[in-house]
C-alpha atoms as a PDB file:
ATOM      1  CA  MET A   1     -73.389  19.429  22.575  1.00  0.00           C
ATOM      2  CA  ARG A   2     -73.075  22.153  24.846  1.00  0.00           C
ATOM      3  CA  ASP A   3     -70.073  20.635  26.673  1.00  0.00           C
ATOM      4  CA  ALA A   4     -68.429  19.956  23.363  1.00  0.00           C
ATOM      5  CA  ASN A   5     -68.798  23.617  22.328  1.00  0.00           C
ATOM      6  CA  LEU A   6     -67.382  24.630  25.745  1.00  0.00           C
ATOM      7  CA  THR A   7     -64.235  22.360  25.278  1.00  0.00           C
ATOM      8  CA  VAL A   8     -63.641  23.808  21.774  1.00  0.00           C
ATOM      9  CA  ARG A   9     -63.920  27.299  23.099  1.00  0.00           C
ATOM     10  CA  ASN A  10     -61.467  26.460  25.897  1.00  0.00           C
ATOM     11  CA  TYR A  11     -58.991  25.236  23.390  1.00  0.00           C
ATOM     12  CA  ILE A  12     -59.473  28.253  21.200  1.00  0.00           C
ATOM     13  CA  ILE A  13     -58.846  30.478  24.243  1.00  0.00           C
ATOM     14  CA  TYR A  14     -55.783  28.565  25.268  1.00  0.00           C
ATOM     15  CA  ILE A  15     -54.311  28.953  21.819  1.00  0.00           C
ATOM     16  CA  ILE A  16     -55.013  32.546  21.648  1.00  0.00           C
ATOM     17  CA  PHE A  17     -53.331  32.996  25.093  1.00  0.00           C
ATOM     18  CA  VAL A  18     -50.231  31.112  24.105  1.00  0.00           C
ATOM     19  CA  PHE A  19     -49.985  33.054  20.818  1.00  0.00           C
ATOM     20  CA  PHE A  20     -50.548  36.307  22.585  1.00  0.00           C
ATOM     21  CA  SER A  21     -47.901  35.401  25.254  1.00  0.00           C
ATOM     22  CA  PHE A  22     -45.349  34.471  22.519  1.00  0.00           C
ATOM     23  CA  SER A  23     -46.118  37.607  20.490  1.00  0.00           C
ATOM     24  CA  LEU A  24     -45.652  39.586  23.573  1.00  0.00           C
ATOM     25  CA  MET A  25     -42.248  38.036  24.449  1.00  0.00           C
ATOM     26  CA  VAL A  26     -41.105  38.565  20.810  1.00  0.00           C
ATOM     27  CA  LEU A  27     -42.354  42.185  20.858  1.00  0.00           C
ATOM     28  CA  ASP A  28     -40.675  42.778  24.099  1.00  0.00           C
ATOM     29  CA  PHE A  29     -37.281  41.250  22.862  1.00  0.00           C
ATOM     30  CA  PHE A  30     -37.260  43.471  19.820  1.00  0.00           C
ATOM     31  CA  SER A  31     -38.245  46.513  21.780  1.00  0.00           C
ATOM     32  CA  ASN A  32     -35.220  46.190  24.012  1.00  0.00           C
ATOM     33  CA  GLN A  33     -37.519  44.958  26.870  1.00  0.00           C
ATOM     34  CA  GLU A  34     -39.555  48.066  27.021  1.00  0.00           C
ATOM     35  CA  ILE A  35     -42.705  46.134  27.670  1.00  0.00           C
ATOM     36  CA  SER A  36     -41.211  43.974  30.478  1.00  0.00           C
ATOM     37  CA  THR A  37     -39.575  46.969  32.004  1.00  0.00           C
ATOM     38  CA  THR A  38     -42.868  48.883  32.066  1.00  0.00           C
ATOM     39  CA  ILE A  39     -44.756  45.911  33.503  1.00  0.00           C
ATOM     40  CA  SER A  40     -42.121  45.052  36.067  1.00  0.00           C
ATOM     41  CA  LYS A  41     -42.252  48.663  37.283  1.00  0.00           C
ATOM     42  CA  ARG A  42     -46.034  48.349  38.053  1.00  0.00           C
ATOM     43  CA  ILE A  43     -46.463  44.670  38.744  1.00  0.00           C
ATOM     44  CA  ASN A  44     -43.726  42.413  40.064  1.00  0.00           C
ATOM     45  CA  PHE A  45     -44.188  39.172  38.095  1.00  0.00           C
ATOM     46  CA  LEU A  46     -43.261  37.411  34.901  1.00  0.00           C
ATOM     47  CA  VAL A  47     -39.673  38.093  33.595  1.00  0.00           C
ATOM     48  CA  PRO A  48     -37.206  39.724  35.874  1.00  0.00           C
ATOM     49  CA  SER A  49     -35.906  43.005  34.493  1.00  0.00           C
ATOM     50  CA  ASP A  50     -32.241  42.041  34.826  1.00  0.00           C
ATOM     51  CA  ILE A  51     -32.389  39.187  32.289  1.00  0.00           C
ATOM     52  CA  ASN A  52     -30.296  39.964  29.182  1.00  0.00           C
ATOM     53  CA  PHE A  53     -31.964  38.314  26.215  1.00  0.00           C
ATOM     54  CA  ASN A  54     -29.196  39.358  23.952  1.00  0.00           C
ATOM     55  CA  GLU A  55     -26.610  37.239  25.872  1.00  0.00           C
ATOM     56  CA  TYR A  56     -29.118  34.455  26.193  1.00  0.00           C
ATOM     57  CA  PHE A  57     -29.673  34.212  22.445  1.00  0.00           C
ATOM     58  CA  GLU A  58     -25.924  34.936  21.782  1.00  0.00           C
ATOM     59  CA  PHE A  59     -25.079  31.918  23.870  1.00  0.00           C
ATOM     60  CA  ILE A  60     -27.392  29.725  22.067  1.00  0.00           C
ATOM     61  CA  ASN A  61     -26.330  30.895  18.565  1.00  0.00           C
ATOM     62  CA  SER A  62     -22.629  31.040  19.262  1.00  0.00           C
ATOM     63  CA  ASP A  63     -21.376  28.827  22.227  1.00  0.00           C
ATOM     64  CA  LEU A  64     -23.786  26.039  21.565  1.00  0.00           C
ATOM     65  CA  PHE A  65     -23.345  25.660  18.020  1.00  0.00           C
ATOM     66  CA  GLN A  66     -19.537  26.403  18.145  1.00  0.00           C
ATOM     67  CA  THR A  67     -19.187  23.530  20.573  1.00  0.00           C
ATOM     68  CA  ARG A  68     -21.044  21.139  18.440  1.00  0.00           C
ATOM     69  CA  ASN A  69     -19.024  22.192  15.329  1.00  0.00           C
ATOM     70  CA  ASN A  70     -15.864  21.665  17.430  1.00  0.00           C
ATOM     71  CA  LEU A  71     -16.873  18.229  18.455  1.00  0.00           C
ATOM     72  CA  ILE A  72     -17.768  17.262  14.864  1.00  0.00           C
ATOM     73  CA  ASN A  73     -14.273  18.660  13.547  1.00  0.00           C
ATOM     74  CA  GLU A  74     -12.498  16.868  16.315  1.00  0.00           C
ATOM     75  CA  ASN A  75     -14.314  13.578  15.476  1.00  0.00           C
ATOM     76  CA  VAL A  76     -13.335  13.954  11.838  1.00  0.00           C
ATOM     77  CA  ARG A  77      -9.708  14.746  12.780  1.00  0.00           C
ATOM     78  CA  LEU A  78      -9.475  11.717  15.108  1.00  0.00           C
ATOM     79  CA  LYS A  79     -10.860   9.441  12.304  1.00  0.00           C
ATOM     80  CA  ASN A  80      -8.350  10.638   9.775  1.00  0.00           C
ATOM     81  CA  GLU A  81      -5.593  10.221  12.241  1.00  0.00           C
ATOM     82  CA  ILE A  82      -6.691   6.485  12.865  1.00  0.00           C
ATOM     83  CA  LEU A  83      -6.721   5.991   9.231  1.00  0.00           C
ATOM     84  CA  GLU A  84      -3.231   7.453   8.773  1.00  0.00           C
ATOM     85  CA  LEU A  85      -1.920   5.425  11.744  1.00  0.00           C
ATOM     86  CA  ARG A  86      -3.307   2.362  10.236  1.00  0.00           C
ATOM     87  CA  GLU A  87      -1.532   3.051   6.851  1.00  0.00           C
ATOM     88  CA  LEU A  88       1.612   3.824   8.623  1.00  0.00           C
ATOM     89  CA  ARG A  89       1.456   0.552  10.377  1.00  0.00           C
ATOM     90  CA  VAL A  90       0.913  -1.350   7.225  1.00  0.00           C
ATOM     91  CA  GLU A  91       3.700   0.596   5.666  1.00  0.00           C
ATOM     92  CA  ASN A  92       6.022   0.018   8.509  1.00  0.00           C
ATOM     93  CA  ASP A  93       5.380  -3.738   8.355  1.00  0.00           C
ATOM     94  CA  LEU A  94       6.159  -3.846   4.590  1.00  0.00           C
ATOM     95  CA  LEU A  95       9.194  -1.854   5.135  1.00  0.00           C
ATOM     96  CA  LYS A  96      10.438  -4.305   7.806  1.00  0.00           C
ATOM     97  CA  GLU A  97       9.875  -7.185   5.509  1.00  0.00           C
ATOM     98  CA  GLU A  98      11.747  -5.468   2.724  1.00  0.00           C
ATOM     99  CA  LEU A  99      14.637  -4.523   5.065  1.00  0.00           C
ATOM    100  CA  GLU A 100      14.765  -8.146   6.244  1.00  0.00           C
ATOM    101  CA  SER A 101      14.850  -9.385   2.683  1.00  0.00           C
ATOM    102  CA  ASN A 102      17.363  -6.889   1.474  1.00  0.00           C
ATOM    103  CA  GLN A 103      19.524  -7.753   4.412  1.00  0.00           C
ATOM    104  CA  ASN A 104      19.387 -11.357   3.338  1.00  0.00           C
ATOM    105  CA  LEU A 105      20.302 -10.420  -0.169  1.00  0.00           C
ATOM    106  CA  ILE A 106      23.091  -8.206   0.895  1.00  0.00           C
ATOM    107  CA  GLU A 107      24.554 -10.998   2.971  1.00  0.00           C
ATOM    108  CA  SER A 108      24.231 -13.463   0.097  1.00  0.00           C
ATOM    109  CA  VAL A 109      25.885 -11.543  -2.632  1.00  0.00           C
ATOM    110  CA  ASP A 110      29.665 -10.743  -2.557  1.00  0.00           C
ATOM    111  CA  VAL A 111      29.371  -7.493  -4.467  1.00  0.00           C
ATOM    112  CA  PHE A 112      33.140  -6.902  -4.644  1.00  0.00           C
ATOM    113  CA  ASN A 113      33.630  -9.886  -6.969  1.00  0.00           C
ATOM    114  CA  TYR A 114      31.420  -8.488  -9.663  1.00  0.00           C
ATOM    115  CA  PHE A 115      30.581  -5.328 -11.549  1.00  0.00           C
ATOM    116  CA  TYR A 116      27.513  -4.315 -13.459  1.00  0.00           C
ATOM    117  CA  ILE A 117      26.917  -3.038 -16.991  1.00  0.00           C
ATOM    118  CA  LYS A 118      23.660  -1.069 -17.191  1.00  0.00           C
ATOM    119  CA  THR A 119      21.636  -1.915 -20.266  1.00  0.00           C
ATOM    120  CA  SER A 120      18.058  -1.583 -21.548  1.00  0.00           C
ATOM    121  CA  PRO A 121      15.806  -3.268 -24.107  1.00  0.00           C
ATOM    122  CA  PHE A 122      15.110  -1.312 -27.085  1.00  0.00           C
ATOM    123  CA  MET A 123      13.091  -3.810 -29.390  1.00  0.00           C
ATOM    124  CA  ARG A 124      11.774  -7.383 -29.858  1.00  0.00           C
ATOM    125  CA  ASN A 125      13.153  -9.505 -32.722  1.00  0.00           C
ATOM    126  CA  GLN A 126      11.366 -12.020 -34.962  1.00  0.00           C
ATOM    127  CA  GLU A 127      11.472 -14.586 -32.188  1.00  0.00           C
ATOM    128  CA  ASN A 128       9.729 -12.187 -29.860  1.00  0.00           C
ATOM    129  CA  HIS A 129      12.749 -11.800 -27.564  1.00  0.00           C
ATOM    130  CA  TYR A 130      14.085  -8.606 -26.341  1.00  0.00           C
ATOM    131  CA  LEU A 131      17.310  -7.133 -27.652  1.00  0.00           C
ATOM    132  CA  VAL A 132      19.260  -5.057 -25.172  1.00  0.00           C
ATOM    133  CA  SER A 133      22.169  -2.562 -25.874  1.00  0.00           C
ATOM    134  CA  GLY A 134      25.665  -4.119 -25.422  1.00  0.00           C
ATOM    135  CA  GLY A 135      27.299  -7.143 -27.115  1.00  0.00           C
ATOM    136  CA  TYR A 136      30.865  -7.965 -28.002  1.00  0.00           C
ATOM    137  CA  ASP A 137      31.712  -4.430 -27.476  1.00  0.00           C
ATOM    138  CA  LYS A 138      30.975  -4.743 -23.799  1.00  0.00           C
ATOM    139  CA  ASN A 139      32.361  -8.330 -23.523  1.00  0.00           C
ATOM    140  CA  PHE A 140      29.043 -10.017 -23.043  1.00  0.00           C
ATOM    141  CA  VAL A 141      29.104 -13.807 -23.291  1.00  0.00           C
ATOM    142  CA  LYS A 142      26.428 -16.545 -23.440  1.00  0.00           C
ATOM    143  CA  ASN A 143      24.526 -17.126 -20.166  1.00  0.00           C
ATOM    144  CA  ASP A 144      25.712 -13.891 -18.492  1.00  0.00           C
ATOM    145  CA  ILE A 145      22.860 -13.289 -15.966  1.00  0.00           C
ATOM    146  CA  VAL A 146      20.798 -10.191 -16.111  1.00  0.00           C
ATOM    147  CA  VAL A 147      19.634  -8.640 -12.799  1.00  0.00           C
ATOM    148  CA  ASN A 148      17.258  -5.867 -11.893  1.00  0.00           C
ATOM    149  CA  GLU A 149      18.005  -2.962  -9.662  1.00  0.00           C
ATOM    150  CA  GLU A 150      17.203  -5.059  -6.532  1.00  0.00           C
ATOM    151  CA  GLY A 151      19.737  -7.628  -7.547  1.00  0.00           C
ATOM    152  CA  PHE A 152      17.299 -10.420  -8.505  1.00  0.00           C
ATOM    153  CA  VAL A 153      18.011 -12.455 -11.645  1.00  0.00           C
ATOM    154  CA  ILE A 154      15.460 -11.724 -14.312  1.00  0.00           C
ATOM    155  CA  GLY A 155      17.105 -13.324 -17.287  1.00  0.00           C
ATOM    156  CA  PHE A 156      20.345 -14.407 -19.114  1.00  0.00           C
ATOM    157  CA  VAL A 157      22.195 -13.427 -22.284  1.00  0.00           C
ATOM    158  CA  ASP A 158      21.449 -15.879 -25.071  1.00  0.00           C
ATOM    159  CA  LYS A 159      22.785 -14.481 -28.339  1.00  0.00           C
ATOM    160  CA  ILE A 160      25.471 -11.941 -28.810  1.00  0.00           C
ATOM    161  CA  PHE A 161      26.176  -9.442 -31.603  1.00  0.00           C
ATOM    162  CA  GLN A 162      28.519  -6.469 -31.951  1.00  0.00           C
ATOM    163  CA  ASN A 163      26.712  -3.858 -30.073  1.00  0.00           C
ATOM    164  CA  HIS A 164      23.561  -5.569 -28.997  1.00  0.00           C
ATOM    165  CA  SER A 165      22.377  -8.993 -27.463  1.00  0.00           C
ATOM    166  CA  GLU A 166      19.336 -11.027 -27.247  1.00  0.00           C
ATOM    167  CA  VAL A 167      18.032 -11.684 -23.626  1.00  0.00           C
ATOM    168  CA  ILE A 168      15.828 -14.565 -22.476  1.00  0.00           C
ATOM    169  CA  PHE A 169      13.808 -13.011 -19.477  1.00  0.00           C
ATOM    170  CA  ILE A 170      12.224 -14.976 -16.826  1.00  0.00           C
ATOM    171  CA  TYR A 171       8.782 -14.808 -18.286  1.00  0.00           C
ATOM    172  CA  ASP A 172       9.835 -16.106 -21.737  1.00  0.00           C
ATOM    173  CA  SER A 173       8.853 -19.790 -22.315  1.00  0.00           C
ATOM    174  CA  GLU A 174      12.529 -20.647 -23.152  1.00  0.00           C
ATOM    175  CA  PHE A 175      13.687 -19.594 -19.696  1.00  0.00           C
ATOM    176  CA  SER A 176      15.452 -22.302 -17.795  1.00  0.00           C
ATOM    177  CA  MET A 177      18.195 -21.923 -15.071  1.00  0.00           C
ATOM    178  CA  PRO A 178      19.589 -24.097 -12.330  1.00  0.00           C
ATOM    179  CA  ALA A 179      19.596 -22.774  -8.732  1.00  0.00           C
ATOM    180  CA  ILE A 180      20.475 -23.633  -5.139  1.00  0.00           C
ATOM    181  CA  ASP A 181      19.180 -22.793  -1.594  1.00  0.00           C
ATOM    182  CA  LYS A 182      20.853 -22.083   1.690  1.00  0.00           C
ATOM    183  CA  PHE A 183      20.600 -25.791   2.558  1.00  0.00           C
ATOM    184  CA  GLY A 184      22.445 -27.087  -0.534  1.00  0.00           C
ATOM    185  CA  ASN A 185      19.310 -28.271  -2.373  1.00  0.00           C
ATOM    186  CA  GLU A 186      19.637 -27.935  -6.069  1.00  0.00           C
ATOM    187  CA  TYR A 187      16.765 -26.731  -8.246  1.00  0.00           C
ATOM    188  CA  LEU A 188      15.743 -26.135 -11.821  1.00  0.00           C
ATOM    189  CA  VAL A 189      13.700 -23.133 -12.599  1.00  0.00           C
ATOM    190  CA  GLU A 190      11.825 -23.211 -16.042  1.00  0.00           C
ATOM    191  CA  ASN A 191       9.008 -21.643 -17.775  1.00  0.00           C
ATOM    192  CA  ASN A 192       6.574 -24.046 -19.366  1.00  0.00           C
ATOM    193  CA  GLY A 193       4.657 -21.218 -21.215  1.00  0.00           C
ATOM    194  CA  GLU A 194       1.979 -21.057 -18.467  1.00  0.00           C
ATOM    195  CA  GLU A 195       3.775 -21.307 -15.124  1.00  0.00           C
ATOM    196  CA  LEU A 196       7.212 -20.833 -13.678  1.00  0.00           C
ATOM    197  CA  LEU A 197       7.980 -24.290 -12.194  1.00  0.00           C
ATOM    198  CA  ILE A 198      10.545 -24.701  -9.411  1.00  0.00           C
ATOM    199  CA  TYR A 199      11.590 -28.051  -8.331  1.00  0.00           C
ATOM    200  CA  THR A 200      14.683 -29.833  -6.902  1.00  0.00           C
ATOM    201  CA  THR A 201      16.978 -31.976  -8.942  1.00  0.00           C
ATOM    202  CA  SER A 202      19.240 -32.794  -6.000  1.00  0.00           C
ATOM    203  CA  VAL A 203      17.937 -32.788  -2.268  1.00  0.00           C
ATOM    204  CA  ASN A 204      20.410 -32.323   0.644  1.00  0.00           C
ATOM    205  CA  GLU A 205      17.765 -31.336   3.239  1.00  0.00           C
ATOM    206  CA  LEU A 206      13.912 -31.654   3.004  1.00  0.00           C
ATOM    207  CA  THR A 207      12.464 -28.431   4.314  1.00  0.00           C
ATOM    208  CA  SER A 208       9.935 -25.779   3.256  1.00  0.00           C
ATOM    209  CA  ASN A 209      11.752 -22.934   4.915  1.00  0.00           C
ATOM    210  CA  ILE A 210      13.551 -21.995   1.688  1.00  0.00           C
ATOM    211  CA  ASP A 211      13.570 -18.164   1.706  1.00  0.00           C
ATOM    212  CA  PHE A 212      15.582 -17.721  -1.540  1.00  0.00           C
ATOM    213  CA  ILE A 213      16.914 -19.776  -4.316  1.00  0.00           C
ATOM    214  CA  PHE A 214      20.147 -18.479  -5.828  1.00  0.00           C
ATOM    215  CA  THR A 215      22.638 -18.835  -8.675  1.00  0.00           C
ATOM    216  CA  ASP A 216      25.837 -20.711  -7.842  1.00  0.00           C
ATOM    217  CA  SER A 217      29.398 -21.048  -9.259  1.00  0.00           C
ATOM    218  CA  LYS A 218      28.960 -24.680  -9.497  1.00  0.00           C
ATOM    219  CA  PHE A 219      26.571 -24.089 -12.422  1.00  0.00           C
ATOM    220  CA  GLY A 220      29.064 -21.781 -14.012  1.00  0.00           C
ATOM    221  CA  GLN A 221      27.042 -18.751 -12.854  1.00  0.00           C
ATOM    222  CA  PRO A 222      28.052 -15.741 -10.585  1.00  0.00           C
ATOM    223  CA  SER A 223      27.623 -17.028  -7.047  1.00  0.00           C
ATOM    224  CA  ARG A 224      24.689 -16.252  -4.848  1.00  0.00           C
ATOM    225  CA  PHE A 225      22.378 -13.879  -6.776  1.00  0.00           C
ATOM    226  CA  PRO A 226      18.782 -14.558  -5.824  1.00  0.00           C
ATOM    227  CA  ILE A 227      16.438 -15.571  -8.485  1.00  0.00           C
ATOM    228  CA  LEU A 228      13.266 -15.955  -6.497  1.00  0.00           C
ATOM    229  CA  SER A 229      11.945 -15.502  -2.982  1.00  0.00           C
ATOM    230  CA  LEU A 230       9.728 -18.319  -1.838  1.00  0.00           C
ATOM    231  CA  ASN A 231       8.626 -16.952   1.452  1.00  0.00           C
ATOM    232  CA  GLU A 232       5.112 -16.157   0.099  1.00  0.00           C
ATOM    233  CA  ILE A 233       4.741 -19.155  -2.122  1.00  0.00           C
ATOM    234  CA  ASN A 234       3.199 -22.415  -1.070  1.00  0.00           C
ATOM    235  CA  VAL A 235       6.085 -25.001  -1.204  1.00  0.00           C
ATOM    236  CA  THR A 236       5.312 -28.681  -1.510  1.00  0.00           C
ATOM    237  CA  VAL A 237       7.666 -31.111   0.289  1.00  0.00           C
ATOM    238  CA  ASP A 238       7.249 -34.791  -0.221  1.00  0.00           C
ATOM    239  CA  GLU A 239       9.556 -37.842   0.535  1.00  0.00           C
ATOM    240  CA  ASN A 240      12.319 -36.800  -1.866  1.00  0.00           C
ATOM    241  CA  LYS A 241      11.326 -33.580  -3.546  1.00  0.00           C
ATOM    242  CA  ILE A 242      10.695 -29.806  -2.948  1.00  0.00           C
ATOM    243  CA  SER A 243       8.618 -28.025  -5.615  1.00  0.00           C
ATOM    244  CA  THR A 244       6.330 -25.113  -6.233  1.00  0.00           C
ATOM    245  CA  SER A 245       5.068 -23.039  -9.162  1.00  0.00           C
ATOM    246  CA  LEU A 246       4.241 -19.441  -9.861  1.00  0.00           C
ATOM    247  CA  GLU A 247       1.788 -18.064 -12.309  1.00  0.00           C
ATOM    248  CA  ILE A 248       3.415 -16.218 -15.177  1.00  0.00           C
ATOM    249  CA  GLU A 249       1.249 -13.108 -14.737  1.00  0.00           C
ATOM    250  CA  ASP A 250       2.751 -12.841 -11.134  1.00  0.00           C
ATOM    251  CA  VAL A 251       6.178 -12.490 -12.519  1.00  0.00           C
ATOM    252  CA  ASN A 252       6.805  -8.881 -13.241  1.00  0.00           C
ATOM    253  CA  PHE A 253       9.614  -6.471 -13.067  1.00  0.00           C
ATOM    254  CA  SER A 254      10.542  -3.022 -14.324  1.00  0.00           C
ATOM    255  CA  PHE A 255      12.648  -2.421 -17.399  1.00  0.00           C
ATOM    256  CA  THR A 256      13.896   0.838 -15.989  1.00  0.00           C
ATOM    257  CA  ASP A 257      17.170  -0.433 -14.637  1.00  0.00           C
ATOM    258  CA  ILE A 258      18.775  -3.863 -15.602  1.00  0.00           C
ATOM    259  CA  TYR A 259      22.265  -4.904 -15.510  1.00  0.00           C
ATOM    260  CA  VAL A 260      24.446  -7.609 -16.838  1.00  0.00           C
ATOM    261  CA  VAL A 261      26.715  -9.113 -14.181  1.00  0.00           C
ATOM    262  CA  LYS A 262      30.385  -9.525 -15.062  1.00  0.00           C
ATOM    263  CA  ALA A 263      33.239 -11.047 -12.933  1.00  0.00           C
ATOM    264  CA  ASN A 264      35.697  -8.557 -11.533  1.00  0.00           C
ATOM    265  CA  ASP A 265      39.145  -9.261 -12.797  1.00  0.00           C
ATOM    266  CA  LEU A 266      40.873  -6.890 -10.222  1.00  0.00           C
ATOM    267  CA  PRO A 267      42.804  -8.874  -7.635  1.00  0.00           C
END
C-alpha cells in the first residue's frame, strides 16, 4: 500500500514538474525571454540566450504551412491540367475523325455542278409531314434532295405548291431512297417506321468497309451526295448481300440550315 502511494506521489510530482516547466517556457516567451536571460546570467544551463523564439515560431507558422499550402495548390493545379489534357486529347481525336470524314465528303461531291437554295420547315400538314418554304416559285421539282449544312441527304421534296413544298425527311416512315457506295454496290435506304434499313439491291463487291453511301445520277439524283456514314454501324456481309440497320431515334439532325440541291445550268 505504501509503495502504491509512493508511485502516485511520484506521478503527481512529475506532472507538476512538466506543467511548471511548460508554464515557465510560456512565461519566458511572452516576457521577451526575461526569465531565461536572468537565469542564464547566473546559471549556464537550459536554453541558450541567443535563441530567437519569435523567428522559430514564425518559421513554424509561415514557412511550414505556406509550403504545405503550396504543395496542395500545385497538386490541384496538376490534376486540373491532366483533366484538361485528357479532354483536349479526346477533342483532338474527334476533330481528326471529323476532318477525315469532311475530306471524304469534299472529294466525293462536285460542288461546282450544283447550287443550293436555303429553306426551312415552318409547319406540319395533316399527313404529319413538314412543309418548307419554296415551291414552284423556286423551281423545286419532285425528288429534289434536301441536305443539311454538312452536305448529308436528310430528305427529298415530295409535293410542290406555289411557294411551299412538302418534304419527306429521313425519319419519316415513307422515306425510301436508292444509293450507291464507292465499290459500285447499289442500296435501298428505307424507313419501316421503327428502323432505318440499308441493304444492297445489286452487289459488285462484297465488303464491310463501306464508309459512305451516296446518291447517284443513275437514279436520277444529284451525284455523290452522302446519305449515311456506316463507319460506326455494324454491317452484315453474307454470300450475296450487304445490310445493316439504324434505330430511328439515332437519326437526328438540325433544322437550322437545310438546302434543296439544284443542278447548275451554267456551262
